[in-house]
Amino acid sequence: MIIPIVDEGLGNSSYLVDLGDGRALAVDASRDLRALRTAAASHGLTVAFAADTHLHADFLSGARQLAADDGARVLASAAGMRAFDHTGLTDGDEVGLGGLTLRALATPGHTGEHLAFVLLDGPRPLGVFSGGSLIVGSAARTDLSGAEHTEALARAQYRSLRRLAELPEETALWPTHGAGSFCSAPPGAQRTSTIGAEKAANPLLQVPDGDAFVAALLGSLGSFPPYFLTLPEANRRGAPVMTGAPALTELEAEAVRRLRAEGAVIVDVRPVRAFAAAHIPGALSIPLRGQFASWLGWLLDPAAPYVIVRDPGQDVAEIGWQAAKIGYEACAGELAGGMAAWDGPTQRIDLVGADRLDGVQVLDVRQDAEYAAGHLPGAAHIELGALPGRADAAPDGPVAVMCGHGERAMTAASLLARIGHRSVRVLRGGPEDWAKATGRTLAEGQT
């Protein structure tokens, strides 16, 4: 039995394999092991093996934690040169799991040391854990090891996909990266597939040669958070073993003022409307949701101290775990009592509808592909992730920031307010809402 553990925020899947004797194999487990442990406990399983397909860029691996807590044997590529106890595997190596066998296949491309793992029942492949090689409808990106390696890794990815396509067509495909992952070229909504289905429908398996593959793959890649360039090395060293759940120290308002004066960033995780109504001046809005970790990592330096402001009903454990799974552990604590306890000045950012845009420049902060698919005519465009470095390119004068729903727009507006922009507001809803409210047609393509 294969139990997928889906992280909707990062767009990834890890897998728990019931080995039939009370033991389990975990594949590409995140450091946030809550869902995996819940699944294991509900099926009466103990994790005996923890396999990583590659040195992950988007999250810290939980393999070392599983080894410490459960005695799991860590399986990973020997070429990854991990600096902690593990069984290093090379192409063709097999590991007995009881009645099943795990076979390593060298599939470089997403990373240079990438392995796929074929799960065998005797000689018959049941499925393949393909990590960031062949994924549903696409393949994972090859530009995370530096521009000088991108094309060579893309050509390696071309060969790896064709190698996986040689497996029997009924073989299940269990990739790690999927919809919503910044590690992926844009995939479909499905997270698992079969080799036969991908041979029939995956555009990257239809291209005539390596040159066409490289052009297609690299042409589809969007931007990614800067921490993606540092987490592979953190995973090679091994994430520090945690002795308990992450916690936030409660800080009184005076302590928050002192930390802010010393350079700490106030990260306000409350919903958009609450932040809009009143927030600490200079606070950065990153609403708590599945994508919180990605935007925290995209917009903050990992060494920068920060203070959390939340509503009392928001899950403090969720904040801590999302930060921990990307290694953002410089949190000084949280404002005790939330905004109700803040006795200093506050600011607000207005939320406006489509009827309040006359004479206001619109700034669209969605990803390039989203903007190209449909945007307000005349809207300026700067991706949210690029805004800290391009704030001087934001429109002068009154500006209304927009995204798809409002969360990214409020984050962008808070960034602009931090650098002194005093005439910024946020448009409610996305481009389709604007089109419906005004009866006007969206523009397409890039500016």
Protein backbone atom coordinates (compact mmCIF):
# COMPACT_ATOMS: atom_id res chain seq x y z
CA MET A 1 0.00 0.00 0.00
CA ILE A 2 1.32 3.44 -1.01
CA ILE A 3 0.19 6.41 1.08
CA PRO A 4 0.89 9.82 -0.54
CA ILE A 5 1.62 12.67 1.86
CA VAL A 6 0.86 15.87 -0.06
CA ASP A 7 2.24 19.28 0.92
CA GLU A 8 -0.13 21.54 -1.00
CA GLY A 9 1.84 24.64 -0.07
CA LEU A 10 5.14 23.48 -1.55
CA GLY A 11 3.42 21.47 -4.27
CA ASN A 12 5.22 18.27 -3.30
CA SER A 13 4.41 14.68 -2.38
CA SER A 14 6.26 12.32 -0.11
CA TYR A 15 5.26 8.68 0.16
CA LEU A 16 4.81 6.10 2.90
CA VAL A 17 5.05 2.49 1.72
CA ASP A 18 3.50 -0.24 3.90
CA LEU A 19 5.95 -3.14 3.68
CA GLY A 20 3.41 -5.59 5.07
CA ASP A 21 5.19 -6.47 8.32
CA GLY A 22 4.57 -3.36 10.42
CA ARG A 23 7.49 -1.53 8.84
CA ALA A 24 7.38 1.26 6.29
CA LEU A 25 9.53 3.02 3.73
CA ALA A 26 9.35 6.83 3.61
CA VAL A 27 10.36 8.51 0.33
CA ASP A 28 11.32 12.21 0.16
CA ALA A 29 9.96 13.00 3.61
CA SER A 30 10.02 16.64 4.70
CA ARG A 31 11.39 17.81 8.04
CA ASP A 32 7.76 18.57 8.90
CA LEU A 33 6.85 14.97 9.67
CA ARG A 34 3.45 15.60 11.25
CA ALA A 35 1.31 14.22 8.42
CA LEU A 36 3.65 11.31 7.77
CA ARG A 37 3.68 10.31 11.44
CA THR A 38 -0.11 10.54 11.60
CA ALA A 39 -0.41 8.26 8.57
CA ALA A 40 2.12 5.79 9.99
CA ALA A 41 0.40 5.67 13.35
CA SER A 42 -3.04 5.18 11.82
CA HIS A 43 -1.74 2.11 9.95
CA GLY A 44 0.38 0.80 12.83
CA LEU A 45 3.66 1.36 10.95
CA THR A 46 7.20 2.14 12.03
CA VAL A 47 9.45 3.84 9.49
CA ALA A 48 12.37 1.48 8.87
CA PHE A 49 13.75 3.08 5.68
CA ALA A 50 13.95 6.71 4.60
CA ALA A 51 14.91 7.26 0.94
CA ASP A 52 15.71 10.61 -0.65
CA THR A 53 15.72 10.84 -4.44
CA HIS A 54 17.93 13.95 -4.43
CA LEU A 55 19.34 16.85 -2.43
CA HIS A 56 16.16 18.87 -2.12
CA ALA A 57 16.15 22.60 -2.81
CA ASP A 58 12.66 23.46 -1.57
CA PHE A 59 12.57 21.81 1.85
CA LEU A 60 14.82 20.25 4.44
CA SER A 61 14.72 16.47 4.37
CA GLY A 62 13.24 14.59 7.31
CA ALA A 63 15.39 11.50 6.67
CA ARG A 64 17.94 12.30 9.35
CA GLN A 65 15.14 12.95 11.87
CA LEU A 66 13.56 9.58 11.02
CA ALA A 67 16.93 7.93 11.56
CA ALA A 68 17.29 9.58 14.97
CA ASP A 69 13.72 9.00 16.16
CA ASP A 70 12.80 5.70 14.51
CA GLY A 71 16.14 4.11 13.71
CA ALA A 72 15.33 4.35 10.00
CA ARG A 73 18.06 3.39 7.53
CA VAL A 74 18.67 6.35 5.21
CA LEU A 75 18.98 5.51 1.51
CA ALA A 76 20.39 8.14 -0.85
CA SER A 77 22.73 8.69 -3.76
CA ALA A 78 26.38 8.02 -2.99
CA ALA A 79 27.21 10.86 -5.39
CA GLY A 80 25.44 13.27 -3.04
CA MET A 81 28.25 12.83 -0.47
CA ARG A 82 25.92 13.42 2.47
CA ALA A 83 27.78 14.20 5.68
CA PHE A 84 25.74 11.95 7.98
CA ASP A 85 25.15 8.23 8.31
CA HIS A 86 23.40 6.77 5.28
CA THR A 87 23.57 3.96 2.76
CA GLY A 88 25.04 5.43 -0.41
CA LEU A 89 23.54 3.92 -3.55
CA THR A 90 24.66 3.93 -7.17
CA ASP A 91 22.94 2.95 -10.38
CA GLY A 92 21.48 -0.58 -10.21
CA ASP A 93 21.97 -1.06 -6.46
CA GLU A 94 19.14 -2.92 -4.75
CA VAL A 95 17.92 -2.86 -1.16
CA GLY A 96 15.75 -5.63 0.23
CA LEU A 97 12.68 -4.35 2.07
CA GLY A 98 11.31 -7.72 3.15
CA GLY A 99 9.02 -9.03 0.43
CA LEU A 100 9.76 -6.04 -1.83
CA THR A 101 12.94 -4.60 -3.33
CA LEU A 102 14.02 -1.03 -4.03
CA ARG A 103 16.28 -0.55 -7.06
CA ALA A 104 18.21 2.68 -7.64
CA LEU A 105 18.26 4.21 -11.13
CA ALA A 106 20.66 7.05 -11.86
CA THR A 107 18.47 9.80 -13.32
CA PRO A 108 20.50 13.03 -13.27
CA GLY A 109 18.93 16.22 -14.50
CA HIS A 110 16.99 17.97 -11.75
CA THR A 111 20.22 17.53 -9.77
CA GLY A 112 23.46 15.90 -10.77
CA GLU A 113 23.19 13.14 -8.13
CA HIS A 114 19.52 12.35 -8.67
CA LEU A 115 18.24 8.79 -8.23
CA ALA A 116 14.85 7.33 -9.03
CA PHE A 117 13.75 4.30 -6.99
CA VAL A 118 11.90 1.43 -8.64
CA LEU A 119 9.75 -0.61 -6.25
CA LEU A 120 9.88 -4.26 -7.27
CA ASP A 121 7.73 -7.23 -6.32
CA GLY A 122 10.10 -9.98 -7.44
CA PRO A 123 11.09 -9.02 -11.00
CA ARG A 124 7.93 -6.96 -11.57
CA PRO A 125 8.10 -3.15 -11.21
CA LEU A 126 5.14 -1.90 -9.18
CA GLY A 127 6.05 1.75 -9.52
CA VAL A 128 8.86 4.25 -9.58
CA PHE A 129 9.56 7.09 -7.18
CA SER A 130 10.80 9.56 -9.76
CA GLY A 131 11.52 12.55 -7.51
CA GLY A 132 12.29 15.50 -9.77
CA SER A 133 12.94 13.55 -12.96
CA LEU A 134 9.81 12.49 -14.86
CA ILE A 135 6.78 14.18 -13.29
CA VAL A 136 3.15 14.37 -14.35
CA GLY A 137 3.02 16.24 -17.63
CA SER A 138 6.56 17.59 -17.44
CA ALA A 139 9.96 17.32 -15.75
CA ALA A 140 11.46 19.26 -12.87
CA ARG A 141 13.73 22.22 -13.49
CA THR A 142 17.45 21.91 -14.11
CA ASP A 143 18.64 25.42 -13.23
CA LEU A 144 19.19 25.12 -9.48
CA SER A 145 22.90 24.25 -9.64
CA GLY A 146 23.99 27.46 -11.38
CA ALA A 147 23.56 28.83 -14.87
CA GLU A 148 26.77 27.17 -16.03
CA HIS A 149 25.26 23.72 -15.39
CA THR A 150 21.69 24.32 -16.56
CA GLU A 151 21.94 23.13 -20.16
CA ALA A 152 24.11 20.11 -19.34
CA LEU A 153 21.64 19.04 -16.67
CA ALA A 154 18.75 19.60 -19.08
CA ARG A 155 20.41 17.23 -21.56
CA ALA A 156 20.91 14.73 -18.74
CA GLN A 157 17.23 15.15 -17.87
CA TYR A 158 16.35 14.31 -21.48
CA ARG A 159 18.22 11.00 -21.20
CA SER A 160 16.80 10.26 -17.75
CA LEU A 161 13.20 10.71 -18.90
CA ARG A 162 13.76 8.33 -21.77
CA ARG A 163 15.32 5.81 -19.46
CA LEU A 164 12.28 5.91 -17.18
CA ALA A 165 10.00 5.64 -20.23
CA GLU A 166 11.53 2.20 -20.88
CA LEU A 167 9.82 0.80 -17.77
CA PRO A 168 6.65 -1.22 -18.43
CA GLU A 169 3.74 1.04 -19.30
CA GLU A 170 1.66 -0.17 -16.35
CA THR A 171 4.34 0.95 -13.90
CA ALA A 172 2.97 3.55 -11.51
CA LEU A 173 4.72 6.93 -11.48
CA TRP A 174 5.12 8.53 -8.04
CA PRO A 175 6.91 11.89 -8.46
CA THR A 176 7.86 14.24 -5.65
CA HIS A 177 7.29 17.55 -7.43
CA GLY A 178 3.89 18.50 -8.82
CA ALA A 179 1.36 21.28 -9.19
CA GLY A 180 2.37 24.34 -7.19
CA SER A 181 6.04 23.40 -6.84
CA PHE A 182 8.57 26.03 -7.88
CA CYS A 183 10.87 23.07 -8.68
CA SER A 184 8.62 22.07 -11.55
CA ALA A 185 7.98 23.24 -15.02
CA PRO A 186 4.21 23.86 -15.12
CA PRO A 187 2.57 20.43 -14.66
CA GLY A 188 -1.01 19.27 -14.68
CA ALA A 189 -3.19 18.97 -11.62
CA GLN A 190 -2.66 15.21 -11.16
CA ARG A 191 0.17 14.21 -8.83
CA THR A 192 0.61 10.56 -9.83
CA SER A 193 0.42 8.78 -13.17
CA THR A 194 1.76 5.75 -15.02
CA ILE A 195 4.63 5.36 -17.44
CA GLY A 196 2.17 4.57 -20.24
CA ALA A 197 0.07 7.66 -19.57
CA GLU A 198 3.15 9.87 -19.61
CA LYS A 199 4.44 8.33 -22.84
CA ALA A 200 1.09 9.16 -24.41
CA ALA A 201 0.58 12.66 -23.03
CA ASN A 202 3.73 14.22 -21.56
CA PRO A 203 4.92 16.87 -24.07
CA LEU A 204 8.55 16.38 -23.06
CA LEU A 205 8.37 12.73 -24.13
CA GLN A 206 7.07 13.79 -27.55
CA VAL A 207 9.96 16.03 -28.61
CA PRO A 208 12.14 14.69 -31.45
CA ASP A 209 15.58 15.17 -29.93
CA GLY A 210 17.68 16.59 -27.11
CA ASP A 211 17.86 20.09 -28.56
CA ALA A 212 14.09 20.37 -28.76
CA PHE A 213 13.81 19.00 -25.22
CA VAL A 214 16.22 21.58 -23.82
CA ALA A 215 14.36 24.41 -25.58
CA ALA A 216 10.98 23.18 -24.34
CA LEU A 217 12.05 22.58 -20.74
CA LEU A 218 14.08 25.73 -20.22
CA GLY A 219 11.50 27.86 -22.00
CA SER A 220 8.84 26.83 -19.50
CA LEU A 221 10.73 27.64 -16.30
CA GLY A 222 9.67 30.49 -14.07
CA SER A 223 11.39 32.16 -11.14
CA PHE A 224 12.19 30.45 -7.84
CA PRO A 225 12.95 31.54 -4.25
CA PRO A 226 16.62 32.32 -3.48
CA TYR A 227 16.75 29.78 -0.65
CA PHE A 228 16.56 27.05 -3.31
CA LEU A 229 20.24 27.74 -3.98
CA THR A 230 21.29 27.05 -0.38
CA LEU A 231 19.08 24.20 0.84
CA PRO A 232 20.80 21.46 -1.24
CA GLU A 233 24.00 22.04 0.73
CA ALA A 234 22.02 22.16 3.98
CA ASN A 235 20.52 18.80 3.04
CA ARG A 236 23.95 17.41 2.17
CA ARG A 237 25.14 18.33 5.67
CA GLY A 238 21.87 17.07 7.15
CA ALA A 239 19.17 19.10 8.86
CA PRO A 240 19.82 19.36 12.60
CA VAL A 241 17.85 16.79 14.57
CA MET A 242 14.99 18.43 16.45
CA THR A 243 14.27 17.47 20.06
CA GLY A 244 10.70 18.75 20.03
CA ALA A 245 8.17 20.79 18.12
CA PRO A 246 9.18 24.35 17.21
CA ALA A 247 7.80 26.97 19.58
CA LEU A 248 7.49 30.76 19.62
CA THR A 249 8.64 32.76 22.63
CA GLU A 250 6.06 35.30 23.78
CA LEU A 251 7.35 38.88 23.66
CA GLU A 252 5.82 41.94 25.24
CA ALA A 253 5.29 45.03 23.11
CA GLU A 254 8.35 46.79 24.52
CA ALA A 255 10.58 43.85 23.56
CA VAL A 256 9.11 43.89 20.04
CA ARG A 257 9.85 47.61 19.75
CA ARG A 258 13.44 47.01 20.83
CA LEU A 259 13.93 44.14 18.38
CA ARG A 260 12.41 46.19 15.56
CA ALA A 261 14.78 49.06 16.33
CA GLU A 262 17.67 46.57 16.15
CA GLY A 263 16.63 45.47 12.65
CA ALA A 264 14.24 42.57 13.26
CA VAL A 265 11.48 42.19 10.65
CA ILE A 266 7.89 42.11 11.88
CA VAL A 267 6.19 39.28 9.96
CA ASP A 268 2.43 39.65 10.25
CA VAL A 269 0.68 36.38 9.40
CA ARG A 270 -2.88 37.55 9.96
CA PRO A 271 -5.46 37.45 7.14
CA VAL A 272 -5.43 40.25 4.57
CA ARG A 273 -8.41 42.14 6.00
CA ALA A 274 -6.96 42.19 9.52
CA PHE A 275 -3.61 43.46 8.30
CA ALA A 276 -5.30 46.08 6.11
CA ALA A 277 -7.25 47.48 9.07
CA ALA A 278 -4.25 47.98 11.37
CA HIS A 279 -0.67 46.75 11.56
CA ILE A 280 2.65 47.70 13.10
CA PRO A 281 4.40 50.25 10.86
CA GLY A 282 6.95 48.53 8.63
CA ALA A 283 5.44 45.06 9.15
CA LEU A 284 5.67 42.56 6.30
CA SER A 285 2.38 40.83 5.52
CA ILE A 286 2.73 37.11 4.78
CA PRO A 287 -0.68 35.57 5.53
CA LEU A 288 -0.52 32.12 7.11
CA ARG A 289 -1.58 29.58 4.49
CA GLY A 290 -0.02 26.65 2.66
CA GLN A 291 2.41 28.90 0.77
CA PHE A 292 3.66 30.69 3.90
CA ALA A 293 7.02 28.89 3.91
CA SER A 294 7.73 29.70 0.26
CA TRP A 295 7.12 33.44 0.69
CA LEU A 296 8.94 33.61 4.01
CA GLY A 297 11.94 32.06 2.30
CA TRP A 298 11.58 34.20 -0.80
CA LEU A 299 11.40 37.56 0.96
CA LEU A 300 13.53 37.22 4.11
CA ASP A 301 17.23 36.53 4.54
CA PRO A 302 17.54 33.22 6.45
CA ALA A 303 19.79 34.88 9.05
CA ALA A 304 17.50 37.89 9.57
CA PRO A 305 15.76 37.89 12.98
CA TYR A 306 11.99 38.23 12.76
CA VAL A 307 9.01 38.57 15.07
CA ILE A 308 5.62 37.00 14.35
CA VAL A 309 2.31 38.79 14.77
CA ARG A 310 -0.72 36.50 14.57
CA ASP A 311 -4.36 36.32 15.50
CA PRO A 312 -5.07 34.27 18.64
CA GLY A 313 -6.92 31.65 16.59
CA GLN A 314 -4.07 31.00 14.19
CA ASP A 315 -2.09 27.80 14.73
CA VAL A 316 1.27 28.65 16.28
CA ALA A 317 2.57 25.14 15.52
CA GLU A 318 1.82 25.61 11.81
CA ILE A 319 3.90 28.79 11.76
CA GLY A 320 6.82 27.06 13.49
CA TRP A 321 6.77 23.94 11.33
CA GLN A 322 6.50 25.84 8.05
CA ALA A 323 9.53 27.93 9.01
CA ALA A 324 11.47 24.90 10.25
CA LYS A 325 10.99 22.87 7.08
CA ILE A 326 12.94 25.49 5.10
CA GLY A 327 15.45 26.21 7.87
CA TYR A 328 14.13 29.66 8.79
CA GLU A 329 14.73 29.45 12.52
CA ALA A 330 15.91 32.96 13.35
CA CYS A 331 12.51 33.78 14.83
CA ALA A 332 12.88 35.86 17.99
CA GLY A 333 9.32 35.10 19.08
CA GLU A 334 5.81 36.46 18.75
CA LEU A 335 3.98 39.50 20.01
CA ALA A 336 2.17 38.23 23.12
CA GLY A 337 -1.55 38.85 22.75
CA GLY A 338 -1.28 39.86 19.10
CA MET A 339 -2.32 43.28 17.84
CA ALA A 340 -4.72 43.70 20.77
CA ALA A 341 -1.64 44.04 22.98
CA TRP A 342 0.20 46.52 20.73
CA ASP A 343 0.27 49.97 22.34
CA GLY A 344 2.23 51.80 19.66
CA PRO A 345 1.24 53.53 16.43
CA THR A 346 -0.37 51.55 13.62
CA GLN A 347 -0.80 51.88 9.88
CA ARG A 348 -3.46 50.68 7.46
CA ILE A 349 -3.60 49.76 3.77
CA ASP A 350 -6.95 50.17 2.07
CA LEU A 351 -8.67 47.40 0.17
CA VAL A 352 -10.41 48.78 -2.92
CA GLY A 353 -12.80 47.48 -5.54
CA ALA A 354 -12.73 47.81 -9.31
CA ASP A 355 -14.78 51.02 -9.06
CA ARG A 356 -11.96 52.84 -7.26
CA LEU A 357 -9.20 52.52 -9.82
CA ASP A 358 -9.72 55.72 -11.82
CA GLY A 359 -6.41 57.56 -11.98
CA VAL A 360 -4.62 54.82 -10.08
CA GLN A 361 -1.79 52.81 -11.62
CA VAL A 362 -2.25 49.05 -11.15
CA LEU A 363 0.75 46.89 -10.20
CA ASP A 364 0.26 43.17 -10.90
CA VAL A 365 2.62 41.01 -8.80
CA ARG A 366 1.66 37.55 -10.07
CA GLN A 367 4.12 35.21 -11.77
CA ASP A 368 5.02 35.90 -15.41
CA ALA A 369 2.87 33.06 -16.76
CA GLU A 370 -0.17 34.22 -14.78
CA TYR A 371 0.23 37.79 -16.01
CA ALA A 372 0.63 36.69 -19.63
CA ALA A 373 -2.56 34.61 -19.43
CA GLY A 374 -4.69 37.66 -18.63
CA HIS A 375 -4.18 41.03 -16.91
CA LEU A 376 -5.74 44.45 -16.57
CA PRO A 377 -4.95 46.63 -19.62
CA GLY A 378 -2.09 48.98 -18.79
CA ALA A 379 -1.13 47.21 -15.58
CA ALA A 380 2.53 47.34 -14.62
CA HIS A 381 4.06 43.99 -13.77
CA ILE A 382 6.72 43.01 -11.24
CA GLU A 383 6.67 39.52 -9.75
CA LEU A 384 6.32 39.58 -5.97
CA GLY A 385 9.57 37.66 -5.53
CA ALA A 386 11.45 40.28 -7.55
CA LEU A 387 9.86 43.29 -5.87
CA PRO A 388 12.43 43.75 -3.03
CA GLY A 389 15.14 44.28 -5.62
CA ARG A 390 12.98 46.28 -8.05
CA ALA A 391 10.91 48.46 -5.77
CA ASP A 392 12.31 51.55 -7.49
CA ALA A 393 10.59 50.33 -10.69
CA ALA A 394 7.16 50.33 -9.05
CA PRO A 395 4.81 53.04 -10.34
CA ASP A 396 5.06 56.49 -8.78
CA GLY A 397 2.03 58.09 -7.22
CA PRO A 398 -1.12 56.24 -6.16
CA VAL A 399 -0.83 52.52 -6.90
CA ALA A 400 -3.22 49.61 -6.46
CA VAL A 401 -1.49 46.26 -6.10
CA MET A 402 -3.20 43.11 -7.31
CA CYS A 403 -2.65 39.37 -7.61
CA GLY A 404 -5.07 36.46 -7.93
CA HIS A 405 -6.84 36.63 -4.57
CA GLY A 406 -5.19 39.32 -2.45
CA GLU A 407 -2.56 37.61 -0.29
CA ARG A 408 0.42 38.28 -2.55
CA ALA A 409 -0.86 41.77 -3.31
CA MET A 410 -0.96 42.64 0.38
CA THR A 411 2.55 41.28 0.82
CA ALA A 412 3.71 43.50 -2.04
CA ALA A 413 1.86 46.52 -0.67
CA SER A 414 3.50 46.00 2.73
CA LEU A 415 6.91 45.84 1.05
CA LEU A 416 6.26 49.15 -0.71
CA ALA A 417 5.00 50.72 2.51
CA ARG A 418 8.19 49.57 4.29
CA ILE A 419 10.30 51.67 1.93
CA GLY A 420 8.12 54.73 2.33
CA HIS A 421 5.38 54.44 -0.33
CA ARG A 422 2.44 56.18 1.32
CA SER A 423 -0.15 55.93 -1.45
CA VAL A 424 -0.57 52.20 -1.87
CA ARG A 425 -3.72 50.11 -1.72
CA VAL A 426 -4.75 46.57 -2.62
CA LEU A 427 -7.33 45.56 -5.21
CA ARG A 428 -9.86 43.04 -3.96
CA GLY A 429 -9.93 39.84 -6.00
CA GLY A 430 -8.11 38.99 -9.20
CA PRO A 431 -8.28 39.91 -12.88
CA GLU A 432 -11.36 37.80 -13.56
CA ASP A 433 -13.20 39.60 -10.74
CA TRP A 434 -12.22 42.95 -12.26
CA ALA A 435 -13.38 41.86 -15.74
CA LYS A 436 -16.71 40.70 -14.35
CA ALA A 437 -17.25 43.89 -12.37
CA THR A 438 -16.36 46.24 -15.24
CA GLY A 439 -17.47 44.28 -18.27
CA ARG A 440 -14.10 44.88 -19.84
CA THR A 441 -11.73 42.41 -21.51
CA LEU A 442 -8.39 41.35 -20.06
CA ALA A 443 -5.19 41.89 -22.01
CA GLU A 444 -2.86 38.98 -22.73
CA GLY A 445 0.88 38.56 -23.22
CA GLN A 446 3.85 40.24 -21.59
CA THR A 447 4.45 43.99 -21.51
